[in-house]
Amino acid sequence: MPLRFRPLRTSARATLWTAGTTVALSLIAGATLDGVAVSLALVSLGAFVACALYAVLGMSR
């Protein structure tokens, strides 16, 4: 594997973790309908979008 793809592996791993966290928090928010859980799910969704953008933009380097 070329050395230039090493940073992408870390960002892709972070993207997968935030995707899993977003799904889990969304399920919790949907089950409980709690305002704090919904807020955490939205923050997690924002983190997922940021990680995904970083991973995609990192591919163009």
C-alpha atoms as a PDB file:
ATOM      1  CA  MET A   1       0.000   0.000   0.000  1.00  0.00           C
ATOM      2  CA  PRO A   2       1.472   3.361  -0.955  1.00  0.00           C
ATOM      3  CA  LEU A   3       2.484   5.665   1.858  1.00  0.00           C
ATOM      4  CA  ARG A   4       0.209   8.480   0.639  1.00  0.00           C
ATOM      5  CA  PHE A   5      -2.895   6.483   1.629  1.00  0.00           C
ATOM      6  CA  ARG A   6      -1.945   6.108   5.309  1.00  0.00           C
ATOM      7  CA  PRO A   7      -3.704   9.298   6.544  1.00  0.00           C
ATOM      8  CA  LEU A   8      -6.837   8.223   4.683  1.00  0.00           C
ATOM      9  CA  ARG A   9      -7.048   5.009   6.673  1.00  0.00           C
ATOM     10  CA  THR A  10      -7.236   6.946   9.935  1.00  0.00           C
ATOM     11  CA  SER A  11      -9.895   9.326   8.649  1.00  0.00           C
ATOM     12  CA  ALA A  12     -11.894   6.450   7.188  1.00  0.00           C
ATOM     13  CA  ARG A  13     -11.768   4.668  10.546  1.00  0.00           C
ATOM     14  CA  ALA A  14     -12.994   7.818  12.303  1.00  0.00           C
ATOM     15  CA  THR A  15     -15.792   8.129   9.750  1.00  0.00           C
ATOM     16  CA  LEU A  16     -16.934   4.572  10.420  1.00  0.00           C
ATOM     17  CA  TRP A  17     -16.878   5.078  14.193  1.00  0.00           C
ATOM     18  CA  THR A  18     -18.895   8.287  13.960  1.00  0.00           C
ATOM     19  CA  ALA A  19     -21.371   6.579  11.618  1.00  0.00           C
ATOM     20  CA  GLY A  20     -21.901   3.805  14.159  1.00  0.00           C
ATOM     21  CA  THR A  21     -22.249   6.310  16.981  1.00  0.00           C
ATOM     22  CA  THR A  22     -24.756   8.313  14.971  1.00  0.00           C
ATOM     23  CA  VAL A  23     -26.875   5.239  14.307  1.00  0.00           C
ATOM     24  CA  ALA A  24     -26.792   4.191  17.957  1.00  0.00           C
ATOM     25  CA  LEU A  25     -27.669   7.650  19.244  1.00  0.00           C
ATOM     26  CA  SER A  26     -30.426   8.024  16.660  1.00  0.00           C
ATOM     27  CA  LEU A  27     -31.959   4.740  17.795  1.00  0.00           C
ATOM     28  CA  ILE A  28     -31.778   5.843  21.421  1.00  0.00           C
ATOM     29  CA  ALA A  29     -33.298   9.230  20.553  1.00  0.00           C
ATOM     30  CA  GLY A  30     -36.091   7.573  18.589  1.00  0.00           C
ATOM     31  CA  ALA A  31     -36.867   5.147  21.377  1.00  0.00           C
ATOM     32  CA  THR A  32     -36.849   7.652  24.227  1.00  0.00           C
ATOM     33  CA  LEU A  33     -37.840  10.904  22.458  1.00  0.00           C
ATOM     34  CA  ASP A  34     -35.613  12.699  24.962  1.00  0.00           C
ATOM     35  CA  GLY A  35     -34.352  16.160  24.037  1.00  0.00           C
ATOM     36  CA  VAL A  36     -30.817  15.482  25.243  1.00  0.00           C
ATOM     37  CA  ALA A  37     -30.614  12.291  23.194  1.00  0.00           C
ATOM     38  CA  VAL A  38     -31.854  14.123  20.107  1.00  0.00           C
ATOM     39  CA  SER A  39     -29.253  16.839  20.644  1.00  0.00           C
ATOM     40  CA  LEU A  40     -26.487  14.260  20.998  1.00  0.00           C
ATOM     41  CA  ALA A  41     -27.683  12.508  17.842  1.00  0.00           C
ATOM     42  CA  LEU A  42     -27.564  15.790  15.909  1.00  0.00           C
ATOM     43  CA  VAL A  43     -24.070  16.576  17.201  1.00  0.00           C
ATOM     44  CA  SER A  44     -22.994  13.079  16.238  1.00  0.00           C
ATOM     45  CA  LEU A  45     -24.477  13.559  12.776  1.00  0.00           C
ATOM     46  CA  GLY A  46     -22.487  16.772  12.371  1.00  0.00           C
ATOM     47  CA  ALA A  47     -19.309  14.980  13.424  1.00  0.00           C
ATOM     48  CA  PHE A  48     -20.021  12.235  10.908  1.00  0.00           C
ATOM     49  CA  VAL A  49     -20.485  14.750   8.083  1.00  0.00           C
ATOM     50  CA  ALA A  50     -17.255  16.519   9.058  1.00  0.00           C
ATOM     51  CA  CYS A  51     -15.300  13.237   9.143  1.00  0.00           C
ATOM     52  CA  ALA A  52     -16.756  12.119   5.822  1.00  0.00           C
ATOM     53  CA  LEU A  53     -15.854  15.423   4.169  1.00  0.00           C
ATOM     54  CA  TYR A  54     -12.332  15.215   5.566  1.00  0.00           C
ATOM     55  CA  ALA A  55     -11.962  11.671   4.236  1.00  0.00           C
ATOM     56  CA  VAL A  56     -13.270  12.592   0.787  1.00  0.00           C
ATOM     57  CA  LEU A  57     -11.167  15.729   0.535  1.00  0.00           C
ATOM     58  CA  GLY A  58      -8.156  13.747   1.719  1.00  0.00           C
ATOM     59  CA  MET A  59      -8.508  11.410  -1.250  1.00  0.00           C
ATOM     60  CA  SER A  60      -7.837  14.225  -3.692  1.00  0.00           C
ATOM     61  CA  ARG A  61      -4.344  14.856  -2.326  1.00  0.00           C
END
